Amino acid sequence: MILATGATWGICAAPTAGVITRPFRWPEAIWAVLGAALLLAFGLLPTSAAIGAIGTGMDVYLFLIGMMLLSETCRRQGLFDWVAATAVTHAGGSRPRLFLLVYATGIVTTTFLSNDATAVVLTPAVYAAARAAKAEPLPLLFACALIANAASFVLPISNPANLVLYGGHMPPLGQWFASFALPSVASIGVTFAMLRWIERDRIVGTCEATVDRAPLTAGGRMALGGIIATAILLLAASAFDQQLGLPTCIAGVATLLVVCAMTHSSPITVARDVSWSVLPLVAGLFVLVAALDHTGVIRAVAQALRSLATDPATGGAIAGTVLAFGSNLINNLPAGLIASSAVAQAHPARLMVEALLIGVDLGPNLSITGSLATILWLQAIRREGEDVGFWRFLKVGAVTMVPALAAALAARILLG
């Protein structure tokens, strides 16, 4: 039994490290799927349990499919390039104003298209706009990276980790706003203030007042309409306490088909550019967490939550902080899955669950390894010729994430 437990922990740890560090430059999904396959091959997890674990993520898969199709459709129609160029034009040659407008654009993108869209689609558009405006790109790129996590709990749809933590059963929209409106304001505001301060020397002065901005095409306008319609649909689904995966998938597919019909293009061509490897990555992580559950790790975490539940305010602050920092050690997707499983067993107070969500969403701003969105952001800027090392990101992350986390948790705890 001890040997099997040790082997399970080792197999789970190795692919998690592979997802974070990407040895041999292999895609993250390969490591997660390989780990799941090894667990089955060595008989450390029953096949039925693995299938059940994969099945529990269906709402998350559907949500990701819809958001990825919607984001890629918008990218192909030049919507994000148009938005970034518009931000430059409205900055009026002021670098501080451009920084503010890029940050505000990131808030909207994250809120309605999820943090992955901000990392993958908005980031390259902002880089191109910064170069055209002759502005220092890194402060603007950091704004994209950090707001992708800082605005992650404005809406239930703002981060797939929200669906993971709640196991697909999201709170009603009214309850969500009551719990997270003030913490979101604190998270977004403090992150902006601290990033603005740490990058103050690189965002002073002027930049080009205008850049070439092609008019938004009919397809781009329809893609924008698809975003608005999707947001309304998901807000309605959340308000009626419905799962978000299927409506998101339907909205993404519908937007893709309508835009392709208008532009006489093939939806298959658009779908080819979607990062489908995210789906087996998430499925593999579900299996790894199920294996940990078999060894008693989840029960231990659940017991820790029960012991903290005697004082929900203090317990929430501790649990949210531990999960925030822990997300940087093992990535927030597996951390969120572990927390979700533990919550299902411990049934802690609502305040503690919501503190955990703040931790799993905002904590990854500390390091590059914290979330899939941040890893995707790093890949996006590397394709543009920029790079940010682990320690450089940590320096910015420590200054921005820690006070933002404290402010967001304090705001939630003060609500009672």
Protein backbone atom coordinates (compact mmCIF):
# COMPACT_ATOMS: atom_id res chain seq x y z
CA MET A 1 0.00 0.00 0.00
CA ILE A 2 2.79 2.43 0.93
CA LEU A 3 4.69 1.52 -2.24
CA ALA A 4 1.60 2.07 -4.40
CA THR A 5 0.93 5.42 -2.73
CA GLY A 6 4.50 6.56 -3.30
CA ALA A 7 4.39 5.47 -6.93
CA THR A 8 1.12 7.33 -7.47
CA TRP A 9 2.51 10.51 -5.95
CA GLY A 10 5.65 10.24 -8.05
CA ILE A 11 3.73 9.66 -11.28
CA CYS A 12 1.43 12.58 -10.49
CA ALA A 13 4.33 14.89 -9.61
CA ALA A 14 6.36 14.15 -12.74
CA PRO A 15 3.73 15.11 -15.34
CA THR A 16 2.72 18.14 -13.30
CA ALA A 17 6.35 19.30 -13.45
CA GLY A 18 6.32 18.49 -17.16
CA VAL A 19 3.24 20.64 -17.71
CA ILE A 20 4.96 23.56 -15.98
CA THR A 21 8.49 23.27 -17.42
CA ARG A 22 7.78 21.59 -20.81
CA PRO A 23 10.97 19.47 -21.14
CA PHE A 24 12.04 18.84 -24.73
CA ARG A 25 9.50 21.57 -25.66
CA TRP A 26 6.79 18.93 -25.72
CA PRO A 27 3.24 20.33 -25.43
CA GLU A 28 1.77 20.42 -21.92
CA ALA A 29 -0.96 17.96 -22.90
CA ILE A 30 1.54 15.18 -23.64
CA TRP A 31 2.78 15.19 -20.04
CA ALA A 32 -0.69 15.14 -18.52
CA VAL A 33 -1.90 12.34 -20.80
CA LEU A 34 1.33 10.36 -20.29
CA GLY A 35 0.91 10.58 -16.53
CA ALA A 36 -2.69 9.38 -16.77
CA ALA A 37 -1.64 6.50 -19.03
CA LEU A 38 1.08 5.40 -16.62
CA LEU A 39 -1.36 5.35 -13.71
CA LEU A 40 -3.60 3.01 -15.70
CA ALA A 41 -0.73 0.88 -17.02
CA PHE A 42 0.60 0.20 -13.52
CA GLY A 43 -2.84 -0.47 -12.10
CA LEU A 44 -2.64 2.48 -9.71
CA LEU A 45 -6.05 3.78 -10.76
CA PRO A 46 -9.01 1.70 -11.95
CA THR A 47 -10.07 2.36 -15.53
CA SER A 48 -13.61 3.08 -14.36
CA ALA A 49 -12.32 5.76 -11.99
CA ALA A 50 -10.28 7.37 -14.78
CA ILE A 51 -13.28 7.43 -17.11
CA GLY A 52 -15.41 8.89 -14.34
CA ALA A 53 -12.79 11.59 -13.67
CA ILE A 54 -12.68 12.55 -17.35
CA GLY A 55 -16.46 12.66 -17.46
CA THR A 56 -16.68 15.12 -14.57
CA GLY A 57 -14.93 17.73 -16.72
CA MET A 58 -17.53 17.75 -19.52
CA ASP A 59 -18.84 21.22 -18.66
CA VAL A 60 -15.29 22.57 -18.62
CA TYR A 61 -14.48 21.01 -22.02
CA LEU A 62 -17.60 22.49 -23.59
CA PHE A 63 -16.81 25.90 -22.11
CA LEU A 64 -13.26 25.81 -23.45
CA ILE A 65 -14.39 24.70 -26.92
CA GLY A 66 -16.86 27.57 -27.17
CA MET A 67 -14.43 30.20 -25.91
CA MET A 68 -11.57 28.99 -28.11
CA LEU A 69 -13.74 29.03 -31.24
CA LEU A 70 -15.08 32.48 -30.37
CA SER A 71 -11.60 33.87 -29.67
CA GLU A 72 -10.10 32.43 -32.85
CA THR A 73 -12.99 33.76 -34.93
CA CYS A 74 -12.43 37.24 -33.49
CA ARG A 75 -8.69 37.02 -34.08
CA ARG A 76 -9.11 35.98 -37.71
CA GLN A 77 -11.47 38.88 -38.35
CA GLY A 78 -8.92 41.34 -36.95
CA LEU A 79 -11.11 42.41 -34.05
CA PHE A 80 -8.30 42.42 -31.49
CA ASP A 81 -5.90 44.23 -33.82
CA TRP A 82 -8.58 46.86 -34.36
CA VAL A 83 -9.18 47.19 -30.61
CA ALA A 84 -5.45 47.57 -29.88
CA ALA A 85 -5.02 50.17 -32.62
CA THR A 86 -8.06 52.03 -31.28
CA ALA A 87 -6.42 52.13 -27.85
CA VAL A 88 -3.30 53.71 -29.38
CA THR A 89 -5.39 56.31 -31.20
CA HIS A 90 -7.31 57.24 -28.05
CA ALA A 91 -4.10 57.44 -26.03
CA GLY A 92 -3.33 60.66 -27.90
CA GLY A 93 0.43 60.12 -27.82
CA SER A 94 0.54 59.57 -24.03
CA ARG A 95 2.27 56.39 -22.82
CA PRO A 96 0.57 56.45 -19.39
CA ARG A 97 -2.82 56.77 -21.08
CA LEU A 98 -1.95 53.94 -23.48
CA PHE A 99 -1.02 51.76 -20.49
CA LEU A 100 -4.38 52.54 -18.87
CA LEU A 101 -6.32 51.80 -22.07
CA VAL A 102 -4.54 48.49 -22.64
CA TYR A 103 -5.27 47.49 -19.04
CA ALA A 104 -8.94 48.44 -19.48
CA THR A 105 -9.10 46.43 -22.71
CA GLY A 106 -7.67 43.46 -20.83
CA ILE A 107 -10.39 43.80 -18.19
CA VAL A 108 -13.14 43.64 -20.81
CA THR A 109 -11.50 40.78 -22.73
CA THR A 110 -10.92 38.69 -19.60
CA THR A 111 -14.39 39.40 -18.23
CA PHE A 112 -16.29 38.32 -21.33
CA LEU A 113 -13.88 36.00 -23.19
CA SER A 114 -11.87 34.45 -20.31
CA ASN A 115 -8.28 34.97 -19.24
CA ASP A 116 -6.94 32.61 -21.91
CA ALA A 117 -8.24 34.93 -24.65
CA THR A 118 -6.39 37.86 -23.08
CA ALA A 119 -3.19 35.83 -22.91
CA VAL A 120 -3.36 34.24 -26.35
CA VAL A 121 -5.22 36.67 -28.60
CA LEU A 122 -5.02 40.15 -27.09
CA THR A 123 -1.31 39.96 -26.20
CA PRO A 124 0.05 39.73 -29.79
CA ALA A 125 -2.28 42.53 -30.90
CA VAL A 126 -1.06 44.76 -28.05
CA TYR A 127 2.56 43.96 -28.93
CA ALA A 128 2.01 44.95 -32.56
CA ALA A 129 0.25 48.17 -31.53
CA ALA A 130 3.05 49.04 -29.07
CA ARG A 131 5.69 48.60 -31.76
CA ALA A 132 3.71 50.71 -34.22
CA ALA A 133 3.29 53.43 -31.56
CA LYS A 134 7.01 53.24 -30.65
CA ALA A 135 6.10 52.55 -27.01
CA GLU A 136 7.99 50.20 -24.68
CA PRO A 137 6.09 46.92 -25.12
CA LEU A 138 6.94 45.03 -21.91
CA PRO A 139 4.85 47.14 -19.48
CA LEU A 140 1.87 46.69 -21.81
CA LEU A 141 2.54 42.96 -22.11
CA PHE A 142 2.76 42.65 -18.32
CA ALA A 143 -0.58 44.44 -18.15
CA CYS A 144 -2.08 41.73 -20.38
CA ALA A 145 -0.56 38.93 -18.26
CA LEU A 146 -1.63 40.27 -14.89
CA ILE A 147 -5.13 41.46 -15.75
CA ALA A 148 -5.81 38.03 -17.25
CA ASN A 149 -5.74 36.69 -13.70
CA ALA A 150 -6.71 39.79 -11.70
CA ALA A 151 -10.07 40.08 -13.51
CA SER A 152 -10.71 36.33 -13.43
CA PHE A 153 -13.58 36.43 -10.96
CA VAL A 154 -15.56 39.37 -12.32
CA LEU A 155 -17.90 36.83 -13.93
CA PRO A 156 -18.18 33.04 -13.70
CA ILE A 157 -17.08 32.86 -17.36
CA SER A 158 -13.91 34.88 -16.85
CA ASN A 159 -11.69 31.89 -16.02
CA PRO A 160 -12.10 28.14 -16.66
CA ALA A 161 -10.66 27.64 -13.16
CA ASN A 162 -13.98 28.98 -11.82
CA LEU A 163 -15.81 26.05 -13.38
CA VAL A 164 -13.14 23.68 -12.09
CA LEU A 165 -13.35 24.87 -8.49
CA TYR A 166 -17.13 24.75 -8.43
CA GLY A 167 -17.25 21.45 -10.30
CA GLY A 168 -19.40 23.00 -13.05
CA HIS A 169 -22.16 23.97 -10.59
CA MET A 170 -21.73 27.73 -10.48
CA PRO A 171 -23.51 29.97 -7.95
CA PRO A 172 -26.44 32.05 -9.28
CA LEU A 173 -25.32 35.31 -10.87
CA GLY A 174 -26.82 37.49 -8.15
CA GLN A 175 -24.94 35.58 -5.48
CA TRP A 176 -21.77 35.77 -7.57
CA PHE A 177 -21.94 39.54 -7.83
CA ALA A 178 -22.72 39.89 -4.13
CA SER A 179 -19.65 37.84 -3.28
CA PHE A 180 -17.11 38.91 -5.89
CA ALA A 181 -17.95 42.44 -7.11
CA LEU A 182 -16.00 44.20 -4.35
CA PRO A 183 -13.07 41.71 -4.32
CA SER A 184 -12.83 42.08 -8.13
CA VAL A 185 -12.60 45.86 -7.83
CA ALA A 186 -9.90 45.45 -5.18
CA SER A 187 -7.98 42.90 -7.24
CA ILE A 188 -8.10 44.93 -10.46
CA GLY A 189 -7.39 48.26 -8.77
CA VAL A 190 -4.49 47.16 -6.59
CA THR A 191 -2.89 45.17 -9.43
CA PHE A 192 -3.07 48.24 -11.67
CA ALA A 193 -1.67 50.58 -9.03
CA MET A 194 1.26 48.30 -8.17
CA LEU A 195 2.11 47.48 -11.79
CA ARG A 196 1.85 51.17 -12.68
CA TRP A 197 4.27 51.93 -9.86
CA ILE A 198 6.84 49.23 -10.63
CA GLU A 199 6.83 50.09 -14.36
CA ARG A 200 6.67 53.87 -13.82
CA ASP A 201 10.03 54.60 -15.47
CA ARG A 202 9.10 52.75 -18.67
CA ILE A 203 5.68 54.23 -19.30
CA VAL A 204 6.53 57.92 -19.02
CA GLY A 205 6.74 60.21 -22.02
CA THR A 206 5.07 60.15 -25.36
CA CYS A 207 4.44 57.73 -28.21
CA GLU A 208 3.03 57.92 -31.70
CA ALA A 209 -0.41 59.49 -31.55
CA THR A 210 -1.89 57.38 -34.34
CA VAL A 211 -1.17 54.09 -36.07
CA ASP A 212 -2.60 52.49 -39.17
CA ARG A 213 -6.01 51.11 -38.28
CA ALA A 214 -7.91 49.19 -40.90
CA PRO A 215 -11.68 49.61 -40.66
CA LEU A 216 -13.49 46.83 -38.87
CA THR A 217 -14.83 44.45 -41.51
CA ALA A 218 -18.36 43.08 -41.65
CA GLY A 219 -16.97 39.81 -40.29
CA GLY A 220 -15.29 41.69 -37.45
CA ARG A 221 -18.52 43.46 -36.57
CA MET A 222 -20.37 40.16 -36.60
CA ALA A 223 -17.67 38.60 -34.37
CA LEU A 224 -18.10 41.51 -31.95
CA GLY A 225 -21.83 40.89 -32.03
CA GLY A 226 -21.13 37.23 -31.25
CA ILE A 227 -19.15 38.25 -28.17
CA ILE A 228 -21.97 40.47 -26.95
CA ALA A 229 -24.61 37.81 -27.62
CA THR A 230 -22.49 35.15 -25.88
CA ALA A 231 -22.02 37.37 -22.84
CA ILE A 232 -25.77 38.00 -22.60
CA LEU A 233 -26.53 34.29 -23.03
CA LEU A 234 -24.07 33.25 -20.34
CA LEU A 235 -25.21 35.93 -17.92
CA ALA A 236 -28.77 34.66 -18.40
CA ALA A 237 -27.67 31.03 -17.91
CA SER A 238 -25.81 32.00 -14.75
CA ALA A 239 -28.76 34.01 -13.47
CA PHE A 240 -30.96 30.90 -13.79
CA ASP A 241 -28.31 28.69 -12.15
CA GLN A 242 -27.60 26.70 -15.34
CA GLN A 243 -24.30 25.13 -16.32
CA LEU A 244 -22.23 27.32 -18.64
CA GLY A 245 -20.42 24.78 -20.81
CA LEU A 246 -23.11 23.89 -23.33
CA PRO A 247 -24.38 27.47 -23.90
CA THR A 248 -20.79 28.64 -24.40
CA CYS A 249 -20.10 25.87 -26.90
CA ILE A 250 -23.30 26.59 -28.83
CA ALA A 251 -22.56 30.33 -28.92
CA GLY A 252 -18.98 29.79 -30.09
CA VAL A 253 -19.99 27.38 -32.85
CA ALA A 254 -22.87 29.62 -33.97
CA THR A 255 -20.64 32.71 -34.14
CA LEU A 256 -18.03 30.79 -36.12
CA LEU A 257 -20.58 29.48 -38.64
CA VAL A 258 -22.32 32.85 -39.13
CA VAL A 259 -19.03 34.73 -39.60
CA CYS A 260 -17.70 32.10 -42.00
CA ALA A 261 -20.94 32.25 -44.00
CA MET A 262 -20.66 36.03 -44.22
CA THR A 263 -17.00 35.98 -45.26
CA HIS A 264 -17.27 32.90 -47.50
CA SER A 265 -14.53 31.14 -45.53
CA SER A 266 -14.22 27.63 -44.18
CA PRO A 267 -14.93 26.98 -40.49
CA ILE A 268 -12.52 24.04 -40.71
CA THR A 269 -9.68 26.45 -41.47
CA VAL A 270 -10.51 28.47 -38.36
CA ALA A 271 -10.87 25.36 -36.21
CA ARG A 272 -7.42 24.15 -37.27
CA ASP A 273 -5.79 27.11 -35.51
CA VAL A 274 -7.51 26.42 -32.18
CA SER A 275 -5.28 24.97 -29.44
CA TRP A 276 -7.21 21.72 -29.08
CA SER A 277 -4.44 20.23 -26.94
CA VAL A 278 -5.93 22.14 -24.00
CA LEU A 279 -8.74 19.56 -23.83
CA PRO A 280 -6.57 16.43 -23.28
CA LEU A 281 -4.42 18.53 -20.92
CA VAL A 282 -7.42 19.26 -18.69
CA ALA A 283 -8.72 15.69 -18.98
CA GLY A 284 -5.32 14.32 -17.98
CA LEU A 285 -5.21 16.60 -14.96
CA PHE A 286 -8.65 15.37 -13.88
CA VAL A 287 -7.27 11.81 -13.94
CA LEU A 288 -4.14 12.78 -11.94
CA VAL A 289 -6.28 14.40 -9.26
CA ALA A 290 -8.53 11.32 -9.12
CA ALA A 291 -5.42 9.22 -8.49
CA LEU A 292 -4.38 11.50 -5.64
CA ASP A 293 -7.85 11.10 -4.21
CA HIS A 294 -7.31 7.34 -4.12
CA THR A 295 -4.18 7.82 -1.97
CA GLY A 296 -5.97 9.96 0.62
CA VAL A 297 -4.42 13.32 -0.30
CA ILE A 298 -7.82 14.89 -0.95
CA ARG A 299 -9.14 13.56 2.38
CA ALA A 300 -6.20 15.20 4.16
CA VAL A 301 -6.89 18.52 2.44
CA ALA A 302 -10.60 18.18 3.26
CA GLN A 303 -9.74 17.55 6.90
CA ALA A 304 -7.58 20.68 6.92
CA LEU A 305 -10.53 22.66 5.56
CA ARG A 306 -12.79 21.25 8.28
CA SER A 307 -10.33 22.29 10.96
CA LEU A 308 -10.22 25.82 9.55
CA ALA A 309 -14.00 26.00 9.28
CA THR A 310 -14.44 26.77 12.99
CA ASP A 311 -13.63 30.39 12.10
CA PRO A 312 -14.67 30.92 8.45
CA ALA A 313 -13.14 34.39 8.17
CA THR A 314 -9.69 33.41 9.43
CA GLY A 315 -9.96 30.00 7.79
CA GLY A 316 -10.89 31.58 4.45
CA ALA A 317 -7.93 33.96 4.60
CA ILE A 318 -5.55 31.09 5.37
CA ALA A 319 -7.03 28.68 2.81
CA GLY A 320 -7.14 31.30 0.04
CA THR A 321 -3.56 32.38 0.71
CA VAL A 322 -2.21 28.82 0.80
CA LEU A 323 -3.99 27.94 -2.44
CA ALA A 324 -2.77 31.15 -4.10
CA PHE A 325 0.87 30.32 -3.39
CA GLY A 326 0.36 26.61 -3.96
CA SER A 327 -0.98 27.30 -7.45
CA ASN A 328 2.47 28.55 -8.40
CA LEU A 329 4.05 25.27 -7.33
CA ILE A 330 1.77 22.90 -9.21
CA ASN A 331 -0.19 25.25 -11.56
CA ASN A 332 -3.65 26.48 -10.69
CA LEU A 333 -5.59 23.90 -12.73
CA PRO A 334 -4.48 20.86 -10.69
CA ALA A 335 -4.51 23.01 -7.55
CA GLY A 336 -8.09 24.03 -8.31
CA LEU A 337 -9.08 20.41 -8.99
CA ILE A 338 -7.63 19.31 -5.65
CA ALA A 339 -9.39 22.16 -3.86
CA SER A 340 -12.67 21.34 -5.62
CA SER A 341 -12.50 17.69 -4.60
CA ALA A 342 -11.65 18.66 -1.02
CA VAL A 343 -14.54 21.15 -0.89
CA ALA A 344 -16.93 18.42 -2.09
CA GLN A 345 -15.86 16.27 0.87
CA ALA A 346 -15.51 18.94 3.57
CA HIS A 347 -18.51 21.17 2.74
CA PRO A 348 -16.90 24.29 4.27
CA ALA A 349 -18.69 27.61 4.69
CA ARG A 350 -19.42 29.59 1.52
CA LEU A 351 -16.95 32.27 2.60
CA MET A 352 -14.12 29.73 2.60
CA VAL A 353 -15.03 28.39 -0.84
CA GLU A 354 -15.08 31.90 -2.26
CA ALA A 355 -11.73 32.69 -0.64
CA LEU A 356 -10.34 29.57 -2.33
CA LEU A 357 -11.62 30.81 -5.68
CA ILE A 358 -9.91 34.18 -5.20
CA GLY A 359 -6.69 32.35 -4.35
CA VAL A 360 -6.78 29.99 -7.34
CA ASP A 361 -7.62 32.83 -9.77
CA LEU A 362 -5.36 35.61 -8.50
CA GLY A 363 -2.47 33.60 -7.03
CA PRO A 364 -0.96 32.69 -10.44
CA ASN A 365 0.05 36.32 -10.95
CA LEU A 366 3.07 35.55 -8.78
CA SER A 367 4.98 33.46 -11.32
CA ILE A 368 5.08 32.27 -14.91
CA THR A 369 4.22 28.74 -13.80
CA GLY A 370 1.05 29.78 -11.95
CA SER A 371 -1.60 29.28 -14.62
CA LEU A 372 -2.12 27.98 -18.12
CA ALA A 373 -2.99 31.53 -19.22
CA THR A 374 0.38 32.84 -18.03
CA ILE A 375 2.23 29.99 -19.74
CA LEU A 376 0.32 30.73 -22.96
CA TRP A 377 1.13 34.43 -22.54
CA LEU A 378 4.84 33.61 -22.32
CA GLN A 379 4.62 31.53 -25.49
CA ALA A 380 2.80 34.37 -27.25
CA ILE A 381 5.43 37.01 -26.45
CA ARG A 382 8.26 34.64 -27.34
CA ARG A 383 6.78 34.29 -30.82
CA GLU A 384 7.07 38.08 -31.07
CA GLY A 385 10.74 38.08 -30.08
CA GLU A 386 10.26 39.12 -26.44
CA ASP A 387 11.05 36.99 -23.41
CA VAL A 388 10.56 37.22 -19.65
CA GLY A 389 12.52 34.92 -17.37
CA PHE A 390 11.20 33.27 -14.22
CA TRP A 391 12.91 35.70 -11.83
CA ARG A 392 11.95 38.79 -13.77
CA PHE A 393 8.29 37.79 -13.72
CA LEU A 394 8.55 36.87 -10.04
CA LYS A 395 9.89 40.34 -9.24
CA VAL A 396 6.84 41.94 -10.83
CA GLY A 397 4.49 39.26 -9.51
CA ALA A 398 5.60 39.61 -5.90
CA VAL A 399 4.98 43.36 -5.93
CA THR A 400 1.57 43.07 -7.61
CA MET A 401 0.01 39.76 -6.55
CA VAL A 402 0.65 39.81 -2.81
CA PRO A 403 -1.06 43.15 -2.04
CA ALA A 404 -3.83 42.43 -4.56
CA LEU A 405 -4.51 39.06 -2.92
CA ALA A 406 -4.58 40.65 0.53
CA ALA A 407 -6.95 43.36 -0.68
CA ALA A 408 -9.31 40.94 -2.48
CA LEU A 409 -9.48 38.49 0.43
CA ALA A 410 -10.00 41.34 2.90
CA ALA A 411 -12.79 42.75 0.74
CA ARG A 412 -14.54 39.37 0.63
CA ILE A 413 -14.13 38.72 4.36
CA LEU A 414 -15.47 42.18 5.22
CA LEU A 415 -18.64 41.31 3.31
CA GLY A 416 -19.20 38.52 5.83
